Every structure is written in C-alpha cells, then in structure tokens.
Protein backbone atom coordinates (compact mmCIF):
# COMPACT_ATOMS: atom_id res chain seq x y z
CA UNK A 1 6.10 -5.91 2.08
CA UNK A 2 8.97 -7.15 -0.04
CA UNK A 3 9.03 -10.93 -0.16
CA UNK A 4 11.40 -13.51 -1.57
CA UNK A 5 10.59 -14.68 -5.05
CA UNK A 6 10.33 -18.41 -4.52
CA UNK A 7 7.91 -18.45 -1.62
CA UNK A 8 4.26 -17.59 -1.14
CA UNK A 9 2.24 -17.00 2.01
CA UNK A 10 0.45 -20.33 1.69
CA UNK A 11 3.07 -22.93 0.82
CA UNK A 12 4.85 -23.15 4.16
CA UNK A 13 4.73 -25.86 6.79
CA UNK A 14 3.29 -23.44 9.31
CA UNK A 15 0.61 -21.88 7.15
CA UNK A 16 -2.59 -20.86 8.90
CA UNK A 17 -4.91 -23.16 6.98
CA UNK A 18 -8.21 -23.81 8.80
CA UNK A 19 -9.10 -27.51 8.70
CA UNK A 20 -12.52 -27.33 10.31
CA UNK A 21 -14.01 -24.84 7.91
CA UNK A 22 -15.95 -27.31 5.80
CA UNK A 23 -17.53 -28.90 8.85
CA UNK A 24 -19.30 -25.68 9.76
CA UNK A 25 -19.09 -26.32 13.49
CA UNK A 26 -16.95 -23.29 14.32
CA UNK A 27 -17.23 -19.58 13.70
CA UNK A 28 -14.53 -17.69 11.80
CA UNK A 29 -12.65 -16.67 14.96
CA UNK A 30 -12.49 -20.21 16.36
CA UNK A 31 -11.55 -21.69 12.99
CA UNK A 32 -8.81 -19.18 12.32
CA UNK A 33 -7.40 -19.43 15.83
CA UNK A 34 -7.33 -23.21 15.59
CA UNK A 35 -5.53 -22.95 12.28
CA UNK A 36 -2.90 -20.58 13.63
CA UNK A 37 -2.36 -22.86 16.64
CA UNK A 38 -1.98 -26.03 14.57
CA UNK A 39 0.52 -24.47 12.21
CA UNK A 40 2.39 -22.78 15.01
CA UNK A 41 2.60 -25.92 17.14
CA UNK A 42 4.18 -27.78 14.23
CA UNK A 43 6.70 -25.00 13.74
CA UNK A 44 7.43 -24.77 17.44
CA UNK A 45 8.14 -28.51 17.60
CA UNK A 46 10.50 -28.20 14.67
CA UNK A 47 12.21 -25.26 16.32
CA UNK A 48 12.66 -27.14 19.57
CA UNK A 49 10.38 -24.97 21.64
CA UNK A 50 10.43 -21.37 22.78
CA UNK A 51 11.26 -19.57 25.95
CA UNK A 52 9.53 -16.32 26.69
CA UNK A 53 11.79 -13.38 27.36
CA UNK A 54 11.05 -11.89 30.74
CA UNK A 55 12.37 -8.91 32.66
CA UNK A 56 15.34 -9.28 34.97
CA UNK A 57 13.95 -6.69 37.35
CA UNK A 58 14.29 -2.95 37.19
CA UNK A 59 12.85 -0.99 34.29
CA UNK A 60 10.23 -3.02 32.39
CA UNK A 61 11.51 -4.12 29.00
CA UNK A 62 9.32 -4.03 25.89
CA UNK A 63 10.52 -6.20 23.03
CA UNK A 64 9.62 -4.89 19.58
CA UNK A 65 9.89 -7.37 16.72
CA UNK A 66 10.78 -5.30 13.65
CA UNK A 67 11.05 -5.92 9.94
CA UNK A 68 14.51 -5.20 8.52
CA UNK A 69 15.35 -1.60 7.71
CA UNK A 70 18.49 0.55 7.94
CA UNK A 71 18.22 1.07 11.67
CA UNK A 72 15.32 3.51 11.73
CA UNK A 73 13.11 1.44 14.03
CA UNK A 74 16.00 0.84 16.43
CA UNK A 75 16.57 4.60 16.54
CA UNK A 76 12.91 5.19 17.38
CA UNK A 77 13.11 2.54 20.10
CA UNK A 78 16.03 4.40 21.67
CA UNK A 79 14.27 7.76 21.34
CA UNK A 80 11.03 6.50 22.89
CA UNK A 81 12.98 4.82 25.68
CA UNK A 82 14.57 8.16 26.53
CA UNK A 83 11.20 9.91 26.35
CA UNK A 84 9.70 7.34 28.75
CA UNK A 85 11.86 8.63 31.57
CA UNK A 86 12.46 5.22 33.10
CA UNK A 87 8.88 3.90 32.83
CA UNK A 88 9.98 1.37 30.22
CA UNK A 89 12.73 0.59 27.77
CA UNK A 90 12.29 -0.75 24.25
CA UNK A 91 14.60 -3.33 22.70
CA UNK A 92 14.23 -4.42 19.09
CA UNK A 93 14.45 -7.96 17.79
CA UNK A 94 15.00 -8.36 14.07
CA UNK A 95 12.61 -10.49 12.05
CA UNK A 96 13.77 -12.23 8.85
CA UNK A 97 13.79 -10.24 5.62
CA UNK A 98 11.34 -12.66 4.01
CA UNK A 99 7.76 -11.74 4.92
CA UNK A 100 6.65 -15.37 5.00
CA UNK A 101 9.36 -16.16 7.54
CA UNK A 102 8.41 -13.07 9.54
CA UNK A 103 4.88 -14.37 9.79
CA UNK A 104 6.03 -17.86 10.78
CA UNK A 105 8.25 -16.55 13.57
CA UNK A 106 5.44 -14.43 14.98
CA UNK A 107 3.04 -17.40 14.76
CA UNK A 108 5.40 -19.57 16.78
CA UNK A 109 5.76 -17.04 19.53
CA UNK A 110 2.11 -16.03 19.68
CA UNK A 111 0.91 -19.64 19.73
CA UNK A 112 3.34 -20.36 22.54
CA UNK A 113 1.80 -17.41 24.45
CA UNK A 114 5.18 -15.70 24.55
CA UNK A 115 4.83 -12.86 27.03
CA UNK A 116 8.06 -11.38 25.69
CA UNK A 117 6.45 -10.40 22.40
CA UNK A 118 5.21 -6.95 23.33
CA UNK A 119 5.23 -5.04 20.04
CA UNK A 120 5.44 -6.19 16.44
CA UNK A 121 5.71 -4.56 13.03
CA UNK A 122 3.01 -6.14 10.88
CA UNK A 123 2.23 -6.10 7.18
CA UNK A 124 -1.37 -4.84 6.87
CA UNK A 125 -2.58 -8.09 5.26
CA UNK A 126 -1.68 -10.05 8.41
CA UNK A 127 -3.70 -7.91 10.84
CA UNK A 128 -7.08 -9.55 10.25
CA UNK A 129 -5.60 -13.03 10.48
CA UNK A 130 -3.76 -12.35 13.73
CA UNK A 131 -6.66 -10.41 15.25
CA UNK A 132 -9.19 -13.09 14.39
CA UNK A 133 -6.98 -15.72 16.00
CA UNK A 134 -6.90 -13.74 19.26
CA UNK A 135 -3.19 -13.01 19.04
CA UNK A 136 -3.38 -9.21 19.07
CA UNK A 137 -4.51 -7.00 21.92
CA UNK A 138 -7.26 -4.67 20.64
CA UNK A 139 -7.06 -0.97 21.42
CA UNK A 140 -9.91 0.58 23.37
CA UNK A 141 -11.83 3.43 21.77
CA UNK A 142 -9.98 5.92 23.93
CA UNK A 143 -6.61 4.44 23.00
CA UNK A 144 -7.52 4.23 19.32
CA UNK A 145 -8.46 7.89 18.89
CA UNK A 146 -4.94 9.40 18.98
CA UNK A 147 -3.61 6.51 16.91
CA UNK A 148 -6.09 7.09 14.09
CA UNK A 149 -6.90 10.81 14.14
CA UNK A 150 -5.40 12.46 11.08
CA UNK A 151 -4.29 9.12 9.61
CA UNK A 152 -4.92 7.98 6.03
CA UNK A 153 -8.24 6.16 5.77
CA UNK A 154 -6.76 3.10 3.97
CA UNK A 155 -4.19 2.76 6.77
CA UNK A 156 -6.92 2.82 9.42
CA UNK A 157 -9.06 0.42 7.40
CA UNK A 158 -6.18 -2.05 7.16
CA UNK A 159 -5.65 -1.91 10.93
CA UNK A 160 -9.24 -2.79 11.85
CA UNK A 161 -11.03 -6.08 12.27
CA UNK A 162 -14.71 -6.43 13.10
CA UNK A 163 -14.99 -2.77 14.03
CA UNK A 164 -12.03 -2.65 16.43
CA UNK A 165 -8.51 -1.29 16.02
CA UNK A 166 -5.94 -4.07 16.40
CA UNK A 167 -2.86 -2.30 15.07
CA UNK A 168 -1.64 1.29 14.90
CA UNK A 169 -0.69 2.66 11.48
CA UNK A 170 3.05 3.39 11.47
CA UNK A 171 3.97 4.02 7.86
CA UNK A 172 1.95 3.80 4.69
CA UNK A 173 3.02 3.00 1.16
CA UNK A 174 1.83 3.17 -2.39
CA UNK A 175 3.16 2.62 -5.87
CA UNK A 176 3.83 5.35 -8.40
CA UNK A 177 4.50 5.22 -12.10
CA UNK A 178 8.20 6.09 -12.35
CA UNK A 179 9.39 6.97 -15.82
CA UNK A 180 12.32 8.31 -17.79
CA UNK A 181 11.39 11.81 -18.91
CA UNK A 182 13.41 11.41 -22.11
CA UNK A 183 11.45 8.27 -23.03
CA UNK A 184 8.10 9.89 -22.32
CA UNK A 185 9.10 12.84 -24.49
CA UNK A 186 10.19 10.53 -27.29
CA UNK A 187 6.90 8.64 -27.05
CA UNK A 188 4.91 11.88 -27.10
CA UNK A 189 3.00 11.11 -23.91
CA UNK A 190 2.25 12.86 -20.63
CA UNK A 191 2.06 10.23 -17.86
CA UNK A 192 0.55 12.88 -15.57
CA UNK A 193 -2.43 13.43 -17.84
CA UNK A 194 -5.71 12.77 -16.05
CA UNK A 195 -6.76 10.06 -18.49
CA UNK A 196 -3.42 8.24 -18.76
CA UNK A 197 -4.10 4.51 -18.95
CA UNK A 198 -2.27 1.21 -19.00
CA UNK A 199 -3.09 0.92 -22.70
CA UNK A 200 -1.38 4.25 -23.41
CA UNK A 201 1.57 3.18 -21.27
CA UNK A 202 1.92 -0.09 -23.18
CA UNK A 203 1.62 1.65 -26.52
CA UNK A 204 4.36 4.11 -25.52
CA UNK A 205 6.74 1.41 -24.32
CA UNK A 206 6.31 -0.70 -27.45
CA UNK A 207 6.68 2.35 -29.67
CA UNK A 208 9.97 3.34 -28.02
CA UNK A 209 11.25 -0.24 -27.53
CA UNK A 210 11.50 0.28 -23.77
CA UNK A 211 10.42 -1.80 -20.81
CA UNK A 212 7.74 -1.50 -18.12
CA UNK A 213 9.05 -2.86 -14.83
CA UNK A 214 6.48 -4.63 -12.65
CA UNK A 215 6.52 -7.36 -10.01
CA UNK A 216 5.52 -10.57 -11.79
CA UNK A 217 6.96 -13.29 -9.62
CA UNK A 218 4.67 -15.71 -7.84
CA UNK A 219 4.69 -13.92 -4.51
CA UNK A 220 2.76 -11.23 -2.65
CA UNK A 221 4.02 -8.43 -4.90
CA UNK A 222 2.19 -10.01 -7.82
CA UNK A 223 -1.02 -10.13 -5.78
CA UNK A 224 -0.54 -6.39 -5.16
CA UNK A 225 -0.53 -5.77 -8.93
CA UNK A 226 -3.56 -7.98 -9.57
CA UNK A 227 -5.57 -6.37 -6.78
CA UNK A 228 -4.72 -2.82 -7.90
CA UNK A 229 -5.76 -3.54 -11.49
CA UNK A 230 -9.05 -5.13 -10.46
CA UNK A 231 -9.82 -2.32 -8.01
CA UNK A 232 -8.93 0.31 -10.62
CA UNK A 233 -11.43 -1.30 -12.96
CA UNK A 234 -14.14 -1.04 -10.30
CA UNK A 235 -14.04 -4.60 -9.01
CA UNK A 236 -13.03 -6.62 -5.97
CA UNK A 237 -11.44 -10.00 -5.37
CA UNK A 238 -13.75 -10.86 -2.48
CA UNK A 239 -16.40 -9.11 -0.40
CA UNK A 240 -17.99 -9.80 2.99
CA UNK A 241 -14.52 -10.84 4.17
CA UNK A 242 -15.68 -10.89 7.78
CA UNK A 243 -17.61 -14.08 6.95
CA UNK A 244 -14.34 -15.94 6.61
CA UNK A 245 -14.59 -18.91 4.26
CA UNK A 246 -18.19 -17.87 3.50
CA UNK A 247 -17.03 -14.60 1.93
CA UNK A 248 -18.35 -13.85 -1.53
CA UNK A 249 -15.80 -14.51 -4.27
CA UNK A 250 -15.98 -11.63 -6.77
CA UNK A 251 -12.91 -12.18 -8.92
CA UNK A 252 -14.85 -13.67 -11.84
CA UNK A 253 -15.96 -10.26 -13.09
CA UNK A 254 -15.61 -7.80 -15.98
CA UNK A 255 -13.10 -5.87 -13.87
CA UNK A 256 -10.90 -8.94 -13.45
CA UNK A 257 -11.11 -9.62 -17.17
CA UNK A 258 -9.82 -6.09 -17.83
CA UNK A 259 -7.00 -6.70 -15.37
CA UNK A 260 -6.16 -10.00 -17.01
CA UNK A 261 -6.08 -8.35 -20.44
CA UNK A 262 -3.50 -5.81 -19.24
CA UNK A 263 -1.29 -8.46 -17.62
CA UNK A 264 -1.45 -10.69 -20.68
CA UNK A 265 -0.73 -7.86 -23.09
CA UNK A 266 2.30 -6.66 -21.12
CA UNK A 267 3.67 -10.14 -20.52
CA UNK A 268 3.50 -11.00 -24.23
CA UNK A 269 4.88 -7.71 -25.50
CA UNK A 270 8.36 -6.32 -26.08
CA UNK A 271 7.76 -4.05 -23.07
CA UNK A 272 8.01 -6.98 -20.66
CA UNK A 273 11.19 -7.62 -18.74
CA UNK A 274 12.85 -10.84 -19.94
CA UNK A 275 12.60 -12.07 -16.37
CA UNK A 276 9.07 -10.79 -15.67
CA UNK A 277 7.80 -14.05 -14.16
CA UNK A 278 10.53 -13.94 -11.48
CA UNK A 279 10.88 -10.17 -10.97
CA UNK A 280 10.34 -8.74 -7.50
CA UNK A 281 10.77 -5.10 -6.41
CA UNK A 282 14.52 -4.72 -6.83
CA UNK A 283 14.73 -6.67 -10.09
CA UNK A 284 11.97 -4.55 -11.56
CA UNK A 285 13.66 -1.35 -10.33
CA UNK A 286 16.83 -2.37 -12.15
CA UNK A 287 14.96 -2.38 -15.46
CA UNK A 288 14.45 1.39 -15.50
CA UNK A 289 18.21 1.87 -15.18
CA UNK A 290 19.04 -0.42 -18.10
CA UNK A 291 19.61 0.39 -21.75
CA UNK A 292 15.91 -0.18 -22.51
CA UNK A 293 14.61 1.34 -19.29
CA UNK A 294 11.49 3.41 -19.72
CA UNK A 295 8.81 2.87 -17.08
CA UNK A 296 8.40 1.28 -13.66
CA UNK A 297 5.53 0.57 -11.26
CA UNK A 298 7.02 0.38 -7.80
CA UNK A 299 6.86 1.64 -4.22
CA UNK A 300 7.94 4.99 -2.83
CA UNK A 301 11.35 3.70 -1.77
CA UNK A 302 12.50 3.98 -5.39
CA UNK A 303 13.40 7.67 -5.09
CA UNK A 304 15.77 7.21 -2.16
CA UNK A 305 17.19 4.02 -3.68
CA UNK A 306 17.91 5.64 -7.04
CA UNK A 307 19.61 8.62 -5.39
CA UNK A 308 21.66 6.29 -3.24
CA UNK A 309 22.77 4.25 -6.24
CA UNK A 310 23.74 7.42 -8.10
CA UNK A 311 25.76 8.69 -5.14
CA UNK A 312 27.52 5.31 -4.94
CA UNK A 313 28.33 5.37 -8.63
CA UNK A 314 26.19 2.30 -9.41
CA UNK A 315 24.13 4.34 -11.89
CA UNK A 316 24.76 7.66 -13.58
CA UNK A 317 23.53 10.81 -11.89
CA UNK A 318 21.82 11.65 -15.17
CA UNK A 319 19.42 8.75 -14.48
CA UNK A 320 18.06 10.48 -11.36
CA UNK A 321 17.78 13.77 -13.25
CA UNK A 322 15.79 11.97 -15.95
CA UNK A 323 13.42 10.32 -13.48
CA UNK A 324 9.80 11.46 -13.42
CA UNK A 325 6.77 10.24 -11.48
CA UNK A 326 3.04 10.05 -11.99
CA UNK A 327 -0.01 8.48 -10.42
CA UNK A 328 -0.72 4.79 -10.99
CA UNK A 329 -2.20 4.41 -14.50
CA UNK A 330 -5.92 4.03 -15.03
CA UNK A 331 -7.49 0.86 -16.34
CA UNK A 332 -10.54 2.76 -17.61
CA UNK A 333 -9.89 6.32 -18.86
CA UNK A 334 -13.19 7.41 -17.27
CA UNK A 335 -12.39 6.03 -13.81
CA UNK A 336 -9.58 7.14 -11.44
CA UNK A 337 -7.04 4.47 -10.61
CA UNK A 338 -6.87 2.75 -7.23
CA UNK A 339 -3.15 2.56 -6.47
CA UNK A 340 -1.75 -0.26 -4.33
CA UNK A 341 -1.60 0.15 -0.58
CA UNK A 342 1.08 -1.19 1.74
CA UNK A 343 3.01 -0.21 4.83
CA UNK A 344 3.57 -1.38 8.39
CA UNK A 345 1.30 -1.37 11.44
CA UNK A 346 2.29 -1.75 15.10
CA UNK A 347 0.49 -4.53 16.96
CA UNK A 348 0.61 -5.46 20.64
CA UNK A 349 0.93 -9.13 21.55
CA UNK A 350 -2.09 -10.50 23.37
CA UNK A 351 0.13 -12.14 25.99
CA UNK A 352 2.36 -9.15 26.79
CA UNK A 353 2.91 -8.57 30.49
CA UNK A 354 3.12 -4.83 29.88
CA UNK A 355 0.01 -3.96 27.90
CA UNK A 356 -0.42 -0.45 29.27
CA UNK A 357 3.22 0.41 28.67
CA UNK A 358 3.03 -1.12 25.19
CA UNK A 359 0.15 1.20 24.34
CA UNK A 360 2.19 4.16 25.54
CA UNK A 361 5.17 3.01 23.48
CA UNK A 362 2.96 2.58 20.41
CA UNK A 363 1.77 6.17 20.77
CA UNK A 364 5.37 7.32 20.88
CA UNK A 365 6.50 5.23 17.89
CA UNK A 366 3.59 6.38 15.72
CA UNK A 367 3.56 10.03 16.77
CA UNK A 368 3.63 12.61 13.94
CA UNK A 369 7.18 13.65 14.88
CA UNK A 370 8.45 10.07 14.74
CA UNK A 371 6.60 9.32 11.51
CA UNK A 372 8.36 12.30 9.96
CA UNK A 373 11.70 11.22 11.37
CA UNK A 374 11.27 7.67 10.08
CA UNK A 375 10.30 8.90 6.62
CA UNK A 376 13.40 11.08 6.44
CA UNK A 377 15.65 8.35 7.85
CA UNK A 378 14.33 5.38 5.88
CA UNK A 379 12.37 6.79 2.97
CA UNK A 380 9.27 4.88 4.10
CA UNK A 381 6.17 6.99 3.73
CA UNK A 382 4.34 8.42 6.77
CA UNK A 383 0.78 7.35 7.57
CA UNK A 384 -0.43 10.90 8.31
CA UNK A 385 -1.20 13.18 5.33
CA UNK A 386 -0.31 16.39 7.20
CA UNK A 387 3.33 15.30 7.30
CA UNK A 388 3.52 15.55 3.51
CA UNK A 389 3.19 19.33 3.75
CA UNK A 390 6.24 19.64 6.00
CA UNK A 391 9.02 21.68 4.34
CA UNK A 392 11.67 19.08 5.25
CA UNK A 393 9.61 16.32 3.64
CA UNK A 394 8.91 18.37 0.51
CA UNK A 395 12.62 19.14 0.16
CA UNK A 396 13.63 15.49 0.40
CA UNK A 397 10.65 14.05 -1.48
CA UNK A 398 9.47 16.36 -4.27
CA UNK A 399 6.82 13.78 -5.15
CA UNK A 400 5.33 13.89 -1.62
CA UNK A 401 2.03 15.53 -2.70
CA UNK A 402 1.51 12.79 -5.28
CA UNK A 403 2.31 10.11 -2.71
CA UNK A 404 -0.20 11.68 -0.31
CA UNK A 405 -2.97 11.76 -2.91
CA UNK A 406 -2.18 8.24 -4.11
CA UNK A 407 -2.31 6.76 -0.61
CA UNK A 408 -5.61 8.52 0.06
CA UNK A 409 -7.07 6.92 -3.08
CA UNK A 410 -5.43 3.52 -2.62
CA UNK A 411 -7.23 0.17 -2.51
CA UNK A 412 -6.02 -2.13 0.29
CA UNK A 413 -5.88 -5.84 -0.39
CA UNK A 414 -8.76 -7.88 1.09
CA UNK A 415 -8.89 -8.01 4.89
CA UNK A 416 -9.66 -11.63 5.72
CA UNK A 417 -8.42 -14.12 8.33
CA UNK A 418 -7.71 -16.46 5.40
CA UNK A 419 -5.65 -14.00 3.42
CA UNK A 420 -2.70 -16.38 2.98
CA UNK A 421 -4.96 -18.96 1.35
CA UNK A 422 -6.73 -16.33 -0.76
CA UNK A 423 -3.52 -14.77 -2.03
CA UNK A 424 -1.89 -18.12 -2.71
CA UNK A 425 -4.91 -19.36 -4.65
CA UNK A 426 -5.08 -16.24 -6.83
CA UNK A 427 -1.36 -16.34 -7.54
CA UNK A 428 -1.63 -20.01 -8.43
CA UNK A 429 -4.11 -19.38 -11.23
CA UNK A 430 -2.65 -16.04 -12.47
CA UNK A 431 0.96 -17.13 -12.77
CA UNK A 432 3.01 -16.93 -14.89
CA UNK A 433 1.79 -13.60 -16.26
CA UNK A 434 2.09 -14.72 -19.89
CA UNK A 435 -0.37 -17.56 -19.20
CA UNK A 436 -3.15 -15.23 -18.05
CA UNK A 437 -6.23 -15.37 -20.27
CA UNK A 438 -9.09 -12.91 -19.67
CA UNK A 439 -11.57 -15.45 -21.00
CA UNK A 440 -10.67 -18.14 -18.47
CA UNK A 441 -8.33 -16.97 -15.68
CA UNK A 442 -10.86 -14.98 -13.60
CA UNK A 443 -13.33 -17.86 -13.65
CA UNK A 444 -10.69 -20.50 -12.89
CA UNK A 445 -9.28 -18.45 -10.05
CA UNK A 446 -12.75 -17.91 -8.53
CA UNK A 447 -13.37 -21.65 -8.60
CA UNK A 448 -9.98 -22.42 -7.09
CA UNK A 449 -10.31 -19.82 -4.33
CA UNK A 450 -13.64 -21.31 -3.31
CA UNK A 451 -12.22 -24.83 -3.37
CA UNK A 452 -9.22 -23.83 -1.26
CA UNK A 453 -11.32 -21.94 1.28
CA UNK A 454 -13.64 -24.96 1.53
CA UNK A 455 -10.73 -27.39 1.99
CA UNK A 456 -11.61 -29.11 -1.27
CA UNK A 457 -8.25 -28.23 -2.83
CA UNK A 458 -4.70 -27.78 -1.63
CA UNK A 459 -2.19 -25.15 -2.61
C-alpha cells in the first residue's frame, strides 16, 4: 500500500467523486458507478483512448495487472500457467508504483469495459469502491468457499461488499513495533509487555534521545496510523459504510481525541523525525538505522529489507542483530491494540471474456502453497494463518507468530465506496501532525468529512 508522498487518493483528475449524492435521486451503487465513469472518461480522453487486449487464438490469455514487486507475481503467473496444462496462460502487466496511479489506470480500463483486464491486484481499500461501481465480478458462494476458508478474518472482511466476496485475499499485512534492543534496555522498558502503550513508548524515546519512526506524510500511510490509533482506543472513523454518503461519521469521539493526543505529543517531541510530515515507509525505516534510531512502526517488509541492506553493506550487520519486534502499542493500557491491516486482494474484471478461467487462476494464485512461496520470495505476509506455523516460514521470519496474531487482531480501514473522499478529508484536517489538536481536530474533521461527502466542500 506504499504511496508517493505528494499525492492523495482524492486530489487527482480522475478521482471517483460522486456528483449526484446531494440530490438523493440515486442509490449508493448508481452514484458510485456514475462517479467512477465520469472520472474514468476524463482520464481516458486525456490518455487518447484504450484498446482492449484480446486473444490471438490458441490458448486463452489472462492478463493480470500487478502492483510492483521483485518478480514474485510474475513467477506465480508462470507457475499457474504451467499448472493449467494448456487451459489458459497468465501474463502480467505492471501497474505504476504509486497507488493513486494504479487506481487511475484500473479506472480507465474498467470504465472503457476493457475485456483484457482479467485479474488485478487490489489494495483492500479499493475493493468496496470498485465493487459498488459494478467493475468487479463477484464470486459465487461455491467459488468463495475455497478462497476464504482458513483465511484471516480481516482479509475476508476487506474483500467483501454487501455480503458478497468481490476479491480473493492474496497476502495480508500488518505493522509491528520494531525497536533496537540496546535502546529498550537503556530505557528500562519491555516493548513486549502486555500493557505497553504509546505513552510508555514516547517516554522511553524522549528519555534516551532516540526517534520513533512513523508515516506522517499526507498520504494513505498517515490514514493507516490515524485509523489504527482510533480503533485501538475503541472508536471508529465511520460506521454504516454501506449507506454511502449517508454513513454515520464517528470520528468526533473520545477515541479520536486520544489518537490526536498521541500524534500531537510525538510530533512536538524530540522523538519525532525531523522530516515527520513528509515521511513515508522507507523514510521512516531509515530512522531506526540512524545515530538516534530507537523505534519504528512499520509493515512486515522491514525484516527482509533490513537483512538485505545489511548483506549489501548499506547498514551494519549489528543493526539486524539489535533489532527486536513487538505488537503495535496500546492506546489504553486496559485495551488490546488494533494493529493496522493491509495487503493485496485479487479481483476479476467485470468485463473479462474468461471469467471461469479467471476464477480458476485466482484459486491457483491464492492457494496455500503459492501464498507460502510468495511470502518466502517477496517477504509479503500470507493471508492464511496456518502458513505461519510452517517450518520454512518460521526459519525465515522468526516474528511470524507475532505477525499472525497481529493480523488476526487488526482493524481494517473503513470499507466504503467513497473511501478516497473519506481518506482525503481526514488527512486534510489531521495534517501536518504537529498541527493536530485533540480539542478541535476530531470535530473539524467530522464536519469536513460530512461536507465533502455531501458535495458541500472540495478537497
């Protein structure tokens, strides 16, 4: 879900912003679909039009639009092609690295009814939007069973819309508290203690003059932090998301005030990165390797990335040996934390000419064996908890049990067809982090979210 720092999901020319919502003449599905089409038509005109990719005869070709990785999805495409025995072949098409641009490219093709878009790797927050617009083929109950049996509940939840499965969980993700063992020892803390809180973390970092790396730029990673803090405090940003723009806005709450207090305290303390307001995942990861590195909240890829940097000589091997991990800190010492949830789901384009074959290919891609393979190849975490007990996984990822438990307890971001507007509105009022005020920010953001969803304000 990594996204470029200077862009948000709602400030692009092709954003899916419903314009009929205030009129009340259309239901959520019609409004969202109309929004996707309007934005996509504009983008398609700018792009000069699209041509669907068809088969040239012979073995049916399935085109899988993938987010950038190190070749793991292409390897699975080749493996599943071989396993198909000539029934189909899978070719991958690389989406941009920026998640906003990924979304825009998919919008263009789906709005143009591109029959060559068979499979797509989707960020969980886009599933509801695409499903509600009619751009994803839903799985039948019979098809859904093997795709969801033995899968983490948050991953299944993020793949559903209005009671139907619209995407198959492929890999899941969560954030851990990564820390330097030497710093924790110096601070006299145990980050794995059951009641370890953000307040204790902040106290330790200030006491040892070390930093806490987080994602504070105005982009989706910041929304991840805000949502996790609010959920960990027992609150929600919105509820009744299936009602679209009539969803209940819950962000003006005691839980959000607690979240705002933590963000403000960190941002205004010596524990903040000097570039906090522009830090994304990799910038925040770099802080734990610096002279003042102490703590980091970041995704599971950190372990493989740190080992890779040590092997390449970019950081000392002693850094990896000094690296510890713990569950996401609590907001309230009496209440377990709700770690962030991320990952990738596999969706089938509604206009694919090979729906049945695409379902078969999805089963292959998301099989337990291929989830394990992808986790070992890419370091991206499997969506099935049983895989975390595999000896090969435990050898490569000693923190696998913690990852498993954290994903199981994670709080997904709100599932709404207007997620881009919701996220953009929250970021607008909560950024920069140092400006956050628990007395005013939750209320101001609730008002702005409602105004944006009602087309009374623009992002």
